[in-house]
């Protein structure tokens, strides 16, 4: 089926605290835990990384086909245990200044939820002068924007059952 991203899935993108991000390192898949953002206006999932971990950025630039798995509803405030696998195309933005402003504006307008409070607390701690001095390599962020192309999902979280599949239209 082809359609726009359903609202309930957008809520999963916004409210699930963590996700698993998979990219290819040559022919080897690599999966890392991430704290994703969702830009509802652009309909894109955002993954951030420090320039200190540039290898994954290089891998994504070489092969922009990526996956993001939302599988843990804990702390989301959403009833149920929906699992959503996103297959998408990634675009890397390495402009650190632009990314900082983009992420700050996104957080200001983010839906009020537990995830927003966690992110605000993290930002507050990461922006303290001592942390910026000791960990500037980590505070600087490269943004990887993921444009969803296909959604594979289990509304009830029972992945042993056949999933629903949705091809995403712009």
C-alpha atoms as a PDB file:
ATOM      1  CA  UNK A   1       0.000   0.000   0.000  1.00  0.00           C
ATOM      2  CA  UNK A   2       1.169   3.563  -0.697  1.00  0.00           C
ATOM      3  CA  UNK A   3       0.235   6.439   1.603  1.00  0.00           C
ATOM      4  CA  UNK A   4       1.455   9.262   3.795  1.00  0.00           C
ATOM      5  CA  UNK A   5       2.902   8.441   7.204  1.00  0.00           C
ATOM      6  CA  UNK A   6      -0.010   7.716   9.579  1.00  0.00           C
ATOM      7  CA  UNK A   7      -0.309  10.013  12.601  1.00  0.00           C
ATOM      8  CA  UNK A   8       0.111   7.184  15.090  1.00  0.00           C
ATOM      9  CA  UNK A   9       3.463   6.275  13.493  1.00  0.00           C
ATOM     10  CA  UNK A  10       4.578   9.909  13.591  1.00  0.00           C
ATOM     11  CA  UNK A  11       3.764   9.836  17.296  1.00  0.00           C
ATOM     12  CA  UNK A  12       6.033   6.782  17.661  1.00  0.00           C
ATOM     13  CA  UNK A  13       8.821   8.714  15.885  1.00  0.00           C
ATOM     14  CA  UNK A  14       8.357  11.682  18.217  1.00  0.00           C
ATOM     15  CA  UNK A  15       7.873   9.908  21.503  1.00  0.00           C
ATOM     16  CA  UNK A  16       9.962   6.728  21.551  1.00  0.00           C
ATOM     17  CA  UNK A  17      13.114   7.685  23.418  1.00  0.00           C
ATOM     18  CA  UNK A  18      15.520   5.395  21.597  1.00  0.00           C
ATOM     19  CA  UNK A  19      15.822   3.590  18.292  1.00  0.00           C
ATOM     20  CA  UNK A  20      18.327   1.426  16.458  1.00  0.00           C
ATOM     21  CA  UNK A  21      20.040   2.967  13.423  1.00  0.00           C
ATOM     22  CA  UNK A  22      21.483   0.611  10.801  1.00  0.00           C
ATOM     23  CA  UNK A  23      23.813   1.592   7.981  1.00  0.00           C
ATOM     24  CA  UNK A  24      26.246  -0.303   5.762  1.00  0.00           C
ATOM     25  CA  UNK A  25      29.998  -0.254   6.362  1.00  0.00           C
ATOM     26  CA  UNK A  26      31.024  -1.663   3.008  1.00  0.00           C
ATOM     27  CA  UNK A  27      28.987  -4.865   2.907  1.00  0.00           C
ATOM     28  CA  UNK A  28      28.744  -5.179   6.708  1.00  0.00           C
ATOM     29  CA  UNK A  29      25.609  -3.842   8.421  1.00  0.00           C
ATOM     30  CA  UNK A  30      26.301  -1.794  11.556  1.00  0.00           C
ATOM     31  CA  UNK A  31      23.594  -1.067  14.114  1.00  0.00           C
ATOM     32  CA  UNK A  32      23.869   1.474  16.909  1.00  0.00           C
ATOM     33  CA  UNK A  33      21.472   2.709  19.561  1.00  0.00           C
ATOM     34  CA  UNK A  34      20.439   6.321  18.982  1.00  0.00           C
ATOM     35  CA  UNK A  35      18.239   8.999  20.472  1.00  0.00           C
ATOM     36  CA  UNK A  36      16.289  10.125  17.381  1.00  0.00           C
ATOM     37  CA  UNK A  37      14.453  13.367  16.760  1.00  0.00           C
ATOM     38  CA  UNK A  38      11.493  13.746  14.426  1.00  0.00           C
ATOM     39  CA  UNK A  39      10.894  16.809  12.292  1.00  0.00           C
ATOM     40  CA  UNK A  40       7.141  16.646  11.640  1.00  0.00           C
ATOM     41  CA  UNK A  41       7.272  19.525   9.142  1.00  0.00           C
ATOM     42  CA  UNK A  42       9.934  17.890   6.973  1.00  0.00           C
ATOM     43  CA  UNK A  43       8.641  14.358   7.706  1.00  0.00           C
ATOM     44  CA  UNK A  44      12.197  13.249   8.482  1.00  0.00           C
ATOM     45  CA  UNK A  45      13.851  11.326  11.289  1.00  0.00           C
ATOM     46  CA  UNK A  46      17.031  12.933  12.565  1.00  0.00           C
ATOM     47  CA  UNK A  47      20.018  11.060  13.913  1.00  0.00           C
ATOM     48  CA  UNK A  48      22.910  13.076  15.312  1.00  0.00           C
ATOM     49  CA  UNK A  49      26.519  12.092  15.767  1.00  0.00           C
ATOM     50  CA  UNK A  50      29.714  13.710  16.927  1.00  0.00           C
ATOM     51  CA  UNK A  51      32.418  14.531  14.360  1.00  0.00           C
ATOM     52  CA  UNK A  52      34.609  12.302  16.550  1.00  0.00           C
ATOM     53  CA  UNK A  53      32.649   9.322  15.190  1.00  0.00           C
ATOM     54  CA  UNK A  54      33.013  10.308  11.561  1.00  0.00           C
ATOM     55  CA  UNK A  55      33.324   6.772  10.187  1.00  0.00           C
ATOM     56  CA  UNK A  56      29.550   6.234  10.277  1.00  0.00           C
ATOM     57  CA  UNK A  57      29.042   9.565   8.484  1.00  0.00           C
ATOM     58  CA  UNK A  58      31.396   8.449   5.717  1.00  0.00           C
ATOM     59  CA  UNK A  59      29.565   5.129   5.440  1.00  0.00           C
ATOM     60  CA  UNK A  60      26.170   6.852   5.185  1.00  0.00           C
ATOM     61  CA  UNK A  61      27.491   9.250   2.538  1.00  0.00           C
ATOM     62  CA  UNK A  62      28.762   6.299   0.469  1.00  0.00           C
ATOM     63  CA  UNK A  63      25.505   4.350   0.823  1.00  0.00           C
ATOM     64  CA  UNK A  64      22.522   6.440   1.985  1.00  0.00           C
ATOM     65  CA  UNK A  65      20.138   3.470   2.275  1.00  0.00           C
ATOM     66  CA  UNK A  66      19.553   3.122   6.026  1.00  0.00           C
ATOM     67  CA  UNK A  67      17.064   1.692   8.518  1.00  0.00           C
ATOM     68  CA  UNK A  68      15.732   3.002  11.811  1.00  0.00           C
ATOM     69  CA  UNK A  69      13.943   0.588  14.143  1.00  0.00           C
ATOM     70  CA  UNK A  70      11.558   1.931  16.794  1.00  0.00           C
ATOM     71  CA  UNK A  71      10.958  -1.056  19.058  1.00  0.00           C
ATOM     72  CA  UNK A  72      10.898   0.143  22.673  1.00  0.00           C
ATOM     73  CA  UNK A  73       7.818   2.062  23.806  1.00  0.00           C
ATOM     74  CA  UNK A  74       9.073   2.322  27.406  1.00  0.00           C
ATOM     75  CA  UNK A  75       8.720   5.865  28.792  1.00  0.00           C
ATOM     76  CA  UNK A  76       6.927   7.052  25.627  1.00  0.00           C
ATOM     77  CA  UNK A  77       3.523   7.466  27.235  1.00  0.00           C
ATOM     78  CA  UNK A  78       2.013   5.641  24.273  1.00  0.00           C
ATOM     79  CA  UNK A  79      -0.237   2.715  25.062  1.00  0.00           C
ATOM     80  CA  UNK A  80       0.750  -0.527  23.368  1.00  0.00           C
ATOM     81  CA  UNK A  81       4.067  -1.765  22.075  1.00  0.00           C
ATOM     82  CA  UNK A  82       4.080  -0.868  18.390  1.00  0.00           C
ATOM     83  CA  UNK A  83       7.232  -1.745  16.464  1.00  0.00           C
ATOM     84  CA  UNK A  84       8.085   0.317  13.380  1.00  0.00           C
ATOM     85  CA  UNK A  85      10.972  -0.348  10.993  1.00  0.00           C
ATOM     86  CA  UNK A  86      11.778   2.551   8.693  1.00  0.00           C
ATOM     87  CA  UNK A  87      13.676   1.990   5.459  1.00  0.00           C
ATOM     88  CA  UNK A  88      14.860   5.306   4.145  1.00  0.00           C
ATOM     89  CA  UNK A  89      17.364   7.470   2.368  1.00  0.00           C
ATOM     90  CA  UNK A  90      19.796   9.473   4.479  1.00  0.00           C
ATOM     91  CA  UNK A  91      21.312  12.873   3.827  1.00  0.00           C
ATOM     92  CA  UNK A  92      24.222  14.183   5.894  1.00  0.00           C
ATOM     93  CA  UNK A  93      24.518  17.814   7.019  1.00  0.00           C
ATOM     94  CA  UNK A  94      28.007  18.575   8.345  1.00  0.00           C
ATOM     95  CA  UNK A  95      27.430  22.291   9.019  1.00  0.00           C
ATOM     96  CA  UNK A  96      27.875  22.297  12.809  1.00  0.00           C
ATOM     97  CA  UNK A  97      26.539  25.853  13.346  1.00  0.00           C
ATOM     98  CA  UNK A  98      23.485  25.261  11.182  1.00  0.00           C
ATOM     99  CA  UNK A  99      22.817  21.941  12.922  1.00  0.00           C
ATOM    100  CA  UNK A 100      22.985  23.519  16.379  1.00  0.00           C
ATOM    101  CA  UNK A 101      20.379  26.154  15.458  1.00  0.00           C
ATOM    102  CA  UNK A 102      18.210  23.593  13.669  1.00  0.00           C
ATOM    103  CA  UNK A 103      18.198  21.203  16.644  1.00  0.00           C
ATOM    104  CA  UNK A 104      17.578  23.995  19.164  1.00  0.00           C
ATOM    105  CA  UNK A 105      14.588  25.297  17.173  1.00  0.00           C
ATOM    106  CA  UNK A 106      13.275  21.779  16.727  1.00  0.00           C
ATOM    107  CA  UNK A 107      13.395  21.169  20.482  1.00  0.00           C
ATOM    108  CA  UNK A 108      11.648  24.452  21.279  1.00  0.00           C
ATOM    109  CA  UNK A 109       8.723  23.363  19.097  1.00  0.00           C
ATOM    110  CA  UNK A 110       8.811  19.671  20.049  1.00  0.00           C
ATOM    111  CA  UNK A 111       5.643  18.122  21.469  1.00  0.00           C
ATOM    112  CA  UNK A 112       5.642  18.213  25.267  1.00  0.00           C
ATOM    113  CA  UNK A 113       6.476  14.703  26.417  1.00  0.00           C
ATOM    114  CA  UNK A 114       8.940  12.847  28.591  1.00  0.00           C
ATOM    115  CA  UNK A 115      11.404  12.610  25.682  1.00  0.00           C
ATOM    116  CA  UNK A 116      11.448  16.406  25.336  1.00  0.00           C
ATOM    117  CA  UNK A 117      12.205  16.812  29.034  1.00  0.00           C
ATOM    118  CA  UNK A 118      15.055  14.282  28.804  1.00  0.00           C
ATOM    119  CA  UNK A 119      16.509  16.049  25.761  1.00  0.00           C
ATOM    120  CA  UNK A 120      16.226  19.466  27.425  1.00  0.00           C
ATOM    121  CA  UNK A 121      18.037  18.159  30.520  1.00  0.00           C
ATOM    122  CA  UNK A 122      20.780  16.620  28.379  1.00  0.00           C
ATOM    123  CA  UNK A 123      21.198  19.853  26.412  1.00  0.00           C
ATOM    124  CA  UNK A 124      21.394  21.858  29.621  1.00  0.00           C
ATOM    125  CA  UNK A 125      24.145  19.609  30.966  1.00  0.00           C
ATOM    126  CA  UNK A 126      26.040  19.410  27.675  1.00  0.00           C
ATOM    127  CA  UNK A 127      26.025  23.186  27.275  1.00  0.00           C
ATOM    128  CA  UNK A 128      27.601  23.898  30.655  1.00  0.00           C
ATOM    129  CA  UNK A 129      30.991  25.633  30.278  1.00  0.00           C
ATOM    130  CA  UNK A 130      32.973  22.778  31.828  1.00  0.00           C
ATOM    131  CA  UNK A 131      31.373  20.116  29.622  1.00  0.00           C
ATOM    132  CA  UNK A 132      31.822  22.257  26.506  1.00  0.00           C
ATOM    133  CA  UNK A 133      35.488  22.669  27.409  1.00  0.00           C
ATOM    134  CA  UNK A 134      36.120  19.000  28.243  1.00  0.00           C
ATOM    135  CA  UNK A 135      33.854  17.428  25.636  1.00  0.00           C
ATOM    136  CA  UNK A 136      33.554  19.861  22.740  1.00  0.00           C
ATOM    137  CA  UNK A 137      34.266  16.916  20.430  1.00  0.00           C
ATOM    138  CA  UNK A 138      31.014  15.340  21.610  1.00  0.00           C
ATOM    139  CA  UNK A 139      28.788  18.423  21.916  1.00  0.00           C
ATOM    140  CA  UNK A 140      29.252  19.358  18.242  1.00  0.00           C
ATOM    141  CA  UNK A 141      26.692  17.502  16.122  1.00  0.00           C
ATOM    142  CA  UNK A 142      26.478  16.283  12.555  1.00  0.00           C
ATOM    143  CA  UNK A 143      22.867  15.646  11.495  1.00  0.00           C
ATOM    144  CA  UNK A 144      21.795  12.646   9.446  1.00  0.00           C
ATOM    145  CA  UNK A 145      18.292  13.227   8.046  1.00  0.00           C
ATOM    146  CA  UNK A 146      16.400  10.063   7.151  1.00  0.00           C
ATOM    147  CA  UNK A 147      13.572  10.372   4.647  1.00  0.00           C
ATOM    148  CA  UNK A 148      11.242   7.379   5.152  1.00  0.00           C
ATOM    149  CA  UNK A 149      10.544   5.401   1.968  1.00  0.00           C
ATOM    150  CA  UNK A 150       9.009   2.217   3.388  1.00  0.00           C
ATOM    151  CA  UNK A 151       7.470   1.440   6.770  1.00  0.00           C
ATOM    152  CA  UNK A 152       7.233  -2.119   8.045  1.00  0.00           C
ATOM    153  CA  UNK A 153       5.240  -2.238  11.257  1.00  0.00           C
ATOM    154  CA  UNK A 154       3.496  -4.321  13.857  1.00  0.00           C
ATOM    155  CA  UNK A 155       0.828  -2.250  15.639  1.00  0.00           C
ATOM    156  CA  UNK A 156       0.602  -4.764  18.481  1.00  0.00           C
ATOM    157  CA  UNK A 157       4.375  -5.306  18.749  1.00  0.00           C
ATOM    158  CA  UNK A 158       4.065  -9.020  17.989  1.00  0.00           C
ATOM    159  CA  UNK A 159       6.869  -9.378  15.473  1.00  0.00           C
ATOM    160  CA  UNK A 160       6.246 -13.114  15.086  1.00  0.00           C
ATOM    161  CA  UNK A 161       3.132 -12.102  13.087  1.00  0.00           C
ATOM    162  CA  UNK A 162       3.091 -10.832   9.519  1.00  0.00           C
ATOM    163  CA  UNK A 163       3.829  -7.064   9.427  1.00  0.00           C
ATOM    164  CA  UNK A 164       1.940  -4.344   7.637  1.00  0.00           C
ATOM    165  CA  UNK A 165       3.947  -2.595   4.913  1.00  0.00           C
ATOM    166  CA  UNK A 166       3.486   0.951   3.685  1.00  0.00           C
ATOM    167  CA  UNK A 167       5.328   2.660   0.825  1.00  0.00           C
ATOM    168  CA  UNK A 168       5.612   6.326   1.797  1.00  0.00           C
ATOM    169  CA  UNK A 169       4.613   9.072  -0.642  1.00  0.00           C
ATOM    170  CA  UNK A 170       5.832  12.652  -0.346  1.00  0.00           C
END
